[in-house]
Amino acid sequence: MSELDTKHRNALPAGEFAFSRQRKLPLEDASHVRNAVARFNQVGEVSDDERDHAWSRIQSAARKFGVAISEKSWRELGKG
């Protein structure tokens, strides 16, 4: 995964993050998408609605970068 330095991360628009309001889990390449899936449940203090929106952004980014995600919902993470 390409590491984002603070300057680059701060320059990303909010829509480039799974959790845009919190600016958590950037989705700028395939590696970041895989990382976002792996760390999804580590993001705290967000509502289920925010998780639904974040998961939708992750799925969209996964399609864009050719990343296979077997889970259909964030609720399936860690269950199999």
N, C-alpha and C. Protein backbone atom coordinates (compact mmCIF):
# COMPACT_ATOMS: atom_id res chain seq x y z
N MET A 1 0.84 -1.17 0.00
CA MET A 1 0.00 0.00 0.00
C MET A 1 0.89 1.23 0.00
N SER A 2 0.54 2.15 -0.85
CA SER A 2 1.27 3.40 -0.84
C SER A 2 0.85 4.20 0.39
N GLU A 3 1.82 4.66 1.13
CA GLU A 3 1.53 5.37 2.36
C GLU A 3 1.25 6.83 2.05
N LEU A 4 0.22 7.36 2.67
CA LEU A 4 -0.13 8.76 2.48
C LEU A 4 0.55 9.60 3.54
N ASP A 5 1.30 10.59 3.10
CA ASP A 5 1.84 11.51 4.08
C ASP A 5 0.73 12.49 4.48
N THR A 6 0.95 13.23 5.51
CA THR A 6 -0.08 14.13 6.04
C THR A 6 -0.53 15.13 5.00
N LYS A 7 0.38 15.68 4.25
CA LYS A 7 0.04 16.69 3.24
C LYS A 7 -0.88 16.10 2.17
N HIS A 8 -0.54 14.90 1.67
CA HIS A 8 -1.35 14.25 0.64
C HIS A 8 -2.71 13.85 1.20
N ARG A 9 -2.73 13.30 2.40
CA ARG A 9 -3.99 12.89 3.02
C ARG A 9 -4.91 14.08 3.22
N ASN A 10 -4.37 15.20 3.70
CA ASN A 10 -5.18 16.40 3.93
C ASN A 10 -5.68 17.00 2.62
N ALA A 11 -4.98 16.75 1.52
CA ALA A 11 -5.39 17.29 0.23
C ALA A 11 -6.50 16.47 -0.43
N LEU A 12 -6.72 15.24 0.04
CA LEU A 12 -7.77 14.40 -0.54
C LEU A 12 -9.14 14.98 -0.21
N PRO A 13 -10.04 14.99 -1.19
CA PRO A 13 -11.41 15.43 -0.88
C PRO A 13 -12.09 14.42 0.05
N ALA A 14 -13.05 14.88 0.82
CA ALA A 14 -13.73 14.02 1.80
C ALA A 14 -14.34 12.79 1.13
N GLY A 15 -14.78 12.92 -0.12
CA GLY A 15 -15.39 11.81 -0.84
C GLY A 15 -14.43 10.68 -1.16
N GLU A 16 -13.14 10.87 -0.94
CA GLU A 16 -12.14 9.85 -1.19
C GLU A 16 -11.90 8.96 0.02
N PHE A 17 -12.71 9.14 1.05
CA PHE A 17 -12.61 8.34 2.26
C PHE A 17 -13.88 7.52 2.42
N ALA A 18 -13.76 6.32 2.97
CA ALA A 18 -14.96 5.52 3.23
C ALA A 18 -15.87 6.27 4.19
N PHE A 19 -15.30 6.77 5.27
CA PHE A 19 -16.05 7.58 6.23
C PHE A 19 -15.67 9.03 5.98
N SER A 20 -16.44 9.69 5.15
CA SER A 20 -16.06 11.02 4.69
C SER A 20 -16.08 12.07 5.80
N ARG A 21 -17.05 12.04 6.68
CA ARG A 21 -17.14 13.05 7.74
C ARG A 21 -15.96 12.95 8.69
N GLN A 22 -15.55 11.72 9.00
CA GLN A 22 -14.43 11.51 9.91
C GLN A 22 -13.08 11.48 9.18
N ARG A 23 -13.12 11.47 7.86
CA ARG A 23 -11.91 11.36 7.02
C ARG A 23 -11.11 10.11 7.42
N LYS A 24 -11.82 8.99 7.50
CA LYS A 24 -11.21 7.71 7.87
C LYS A 24 -11.26 6.76 6.68
N LEU A 25 -10.24 5.95 6.53
CA LEU A 25 -10.12 4.91 5.51
C LEU A 25 -10.11 5.48 4.08
N PRO A 26 -8.97 6.03 3.67
CA PRO A 26 -8.87 6.54 2.30
C PRO A 26 -9.04 5.41 1.28
N LEU A 27 -9.58 5.77 0.11
CA LEU A 27 -9.87 4.79 -0.93
C LEU A 27 -9.23 5.19 -2.25
N GLU A 28 -7.96 5.52 -2.23
CA GLU A 28 -7.36 6.07 -3.44
C GLU A 28 -6.71 5.04 -4.36
N ASP A 29 -6.57 3.79 -3.93
CA ASP A 29 -6.05 2.74 -4.81
C ASP A 29 -6.48 1.38 -4.26
N ALA A 30 -6.17 0.30 -4.99
CA ALA A 30 -6.60 -1.04 -4.60
C ALA A 30 -6.10 -1.42 -3.21
N SER A 31 -4.88 -1.08 -2.92
CA SER A 31 -4.31 -1.42 -1.62
C SER A 31 -5.07 -0.74 -0.48
N HIS A 32 -5.42 0.52 -0.68
CA HIS A 32 -6.18 1.24 0.33
C HIS A 32 -7.59 0.66 0.49
N VAL A 33 -8.17 0.19 -0.60
CA VAL A 33 -9.49 -0.43 -0.52
C VAL A 33 -9.42 -1.70 0.32
N ARG A 34 -8.43 -2.55 0.06
CA ARG A 34 -8.27 -3.77 0.86
C ARG A 34 -8.04 -3.43 2.33
N ASN A 35 -7.27 -2.41 2.59
CA ASN A 35 -7.01 -1.97 3.96
C ASN A 35 -8.30 -1.46 4.61
N ALA A 36 -9.11 -0.74 3.86
CA ALA A 36 -10.37 -0.21 4.39
C ALA A 36 -11.29 -1.36 4.82
N VAL A 37 -11.34 -2.42 4.03
CA VAL A 37 -12.16 -3.58 4.39
C VAL A 37 -11.61 -4.21 5.67
N ALA A 38 -10.31 -4.37 5.74
CA ALA A 38 -9.69 -5.02 6.90
C ALA A 38 -9.88 -4.21 8.18
N ARG A 39 -9.90 -2.90 8.08
CA ARG A 39 -9.97 -2.04 9.27
C ARG A 39 -11.36 -1.46 9.52
N PHE A 40 -12.32 -1.83 8.70
CA PHE A 40 -13.66 -1.24 8.76
C PHE A 40 -14.23 -1.25 10.18
N ASN A 41 -14.17 -2.38 10.85
CA ASN A 41 -14.77 -2.50 12.18
C ASN A 41 -13.98 -1.78 13.27
N GLN A 42 -12.83 -1.23 12.94
CA GLN A 42 -12.03 -0.50 13.92
C GLN A 42 -12.45 0.97 14.03
N VAL A 43 -13.27 1.42 13.09
CA VAL A 43 -13.73 2.81 13.13
C VAL A 43 -14.84 2.91 14.16
N GLY A 44 -14.65 3.77 15.14
CA GLY A 44 -15.61 3.91 16.21
C GLY A 44 -16.44 5.17 16.09
N GLU A 45 -17.46 5.23 16.92
CA GLU A 45 -18.32 6.41 17.04
C GLU A 45 -18.96 6.82 15.72
N VAL A 46 -19.48 5.82 14.99
CA VAL A 46 -20.24 6.09 13.77
C VAL A 46 -21.54 5.30 13.83
N SER A 47 -22.56 5.82 13.20
CA SER A 47 -23.86 5.16 13.20
C SER A 47 -23.89 4.05 12.15
N ASP A 48 -24.90 3.19 12.25
CA ASP A 48 -25.08 2.16 11.25
C ASP A 48 -25.34 2.77 9.88
N ASP A 49 -26.03 3.89 9.84
CA ASP A 49 -26.27 4.58 8.57
C ASP A 49 -24.95 5.05 7.95
N GLU A 50 -24.06 5.59 8.77
CA GLU A 50 -22.74 6.00 8.27
C GLU A 50 -21.95 4.79 7.79
N ARG A 51 -22.07 3.67 8.49
CA ARG A 51 -21.40 2.43 8.06
C ARG A 51 -21.96 1.95 6.72
N ASP A 52 -23.28 2.04 6.55
CA ASP A 52 -23.89 1.65 5.28
C ASP A 52 -23.33 2.49 4.13
N HIS A 53 -23.25 3.80 4.34
CA HIS A 53 -22.72 4.69 3.30
C HIS A 53 -21.24 4.41 3.03
N ALA A 54 -20.49 4.18 4.09
CA ALA A 54 -19.06 3.89 3.94
C ALA A 54 -18.88 2.58 3.16
N TRP A 55 -19.68 1.57 3.49
CA TRP A 55 -19.56 0.29 2.80
C TRP A 55 -19.88 0.44 1.32
N SER A 56 -20.86 1.27 1.01
CA SER A 56 -21.20 1.54 -0.38
C SER A 56 -20.02 2.18 -1.11
N ARG A 57 -19.35 3.13 -0.46
CA ARG A 57 -18.18 3.77 -1.07
C ARG A 57 -17.05 2.76 -1.28
N ILE A 58 -16.88 1.87 -0.30
CA ILE A 58 -15.84 0.84 -0.43
C ILE A 58 -16.15 -0.09 -1.60
N GLN A 59 -17.41 -0.51 -1.73
CA GLN A 59 -17.79 -1.39 -2.83
C GLN A 59 -17.56 -0.71 -4.18
N SER A 60 -17.90 0.54 -4.26
CA SER A 60 -17.69 1.29 -5.50
C SER A 60 -16.21 1.38 -5.84
N ALA A 61 -15.39 1.70 -4.84
CA ALA A 61 -13.94 1.79 -5.06
C ALA A 61 -13.37 0.42 -5.40
N ALA A 62 -13.90 -0.64 -4.81
CA ALA A 62 -13.43 -2.00 -5.11
C ALA A 62 -13.68 -2.33 -6.57
N ARG A 63 -14.87 -1.99 -7.07
CA ARG A 63 -15.16 -2.21 -8.50
C ARG A 63 -14.20 -1.40 -9.38
N LYS A 64 -13.98 -0.16 -9.00
CA LYS A 64 -13.11 0.73 -9.77
C LYS A 64 -11.68 0.19 -9.88
N PHE A 65 -11.17 -0.37 -8.78
CA PHE A 65 -9.79 -0.83 -8.74
C PHE A 65 -9.64 -2.34 -8.90
N GLY A 66 -10.74 -3.05 -9.18
CA GLY A 66 -10.67 -4.49 -9.42
C GLY A 66 -10.37 -5.32 -8.19
N VAL A 67 -10.88 -4.89 -7.05
CA VAL A 67 -10.67 -5.61 -5.80
C VAL A 67 -11.90 -6.47 -5.52
N ALA A 68 -11.70 -7.76 -5.30
CA ALA A 68 -12.80 -8.66 -5.00
C ALA A 68 -13.14 -8.59 -3.51
N ILE A 69 -14.41 -8.38 -3.22
CA ILE A 69 -14.89 -8.38 -1.84
C ILE A 69 -16.00 -9.42 -1.77
N SER A 70 -15.82 -10.43 -0.93
CA SER A 70 -16.81 -11.50 -0.85
C SER A 70 -18.02 -11.11 -0.01
N GLU A 71 -17.84 -10.22 0.96
CA GLU A 71 -18.94 -9.79 1.82
C GLU A 71 -19.87 -8.85 1.05
N LYS A 72 -21.16 -9.07 1.19
CA LYS A 72 -22.16 -8.21 0.55
C LYS A 72 -22.52 -7.02 1.43
N SER A 73 -22.25 -7.13 2.73
CA SER A 73 -22.57 -6.09 3.69
C SER A 73 -21.45 -6.02 4.73
N TRP A 74 -21.28 -4.87 5.33
CA TRP A 74 -20.28 -4.73 6.39
C TRP A 74 -20.63 -5.60 7.59
N ARG A 75 -21.91 -5.96 7.72
CA ARG A 75 -22.34 -6.81 8.83
C ARG A 75 -21.77 -8.23 8.71
N GLU A 76 -21.31 -8.62 7.54
CA GLU A 76 -20.73 -9.94 7.32
C GLU A 76 -19.24 -10.01 7.65
N LEU A 77 -18.61 -8.87 7.88
CA LEU A 77 -17.17 -8.84 8.15
C LEU A 77 -16.83 -9.63 9.40
N GLY A 78 -15.83 -10.48 9.30
CA GLY A 78 -15.36 -11.24 10.43
C GLY A 78 -16.24 -12.42 10.82
N LYS A 79 -17.19 -12.77 9.97
CA LYS A 79 -18.11 -13.86 10.29
C LYS A 79 -17.82 -15.13 9.50
N GLY A 80 -16.76 -15.12 8.76
CA GLY A 80 -16.56 -16.32 7.97
C GLY A 80 -15.18 -16.50 7.64
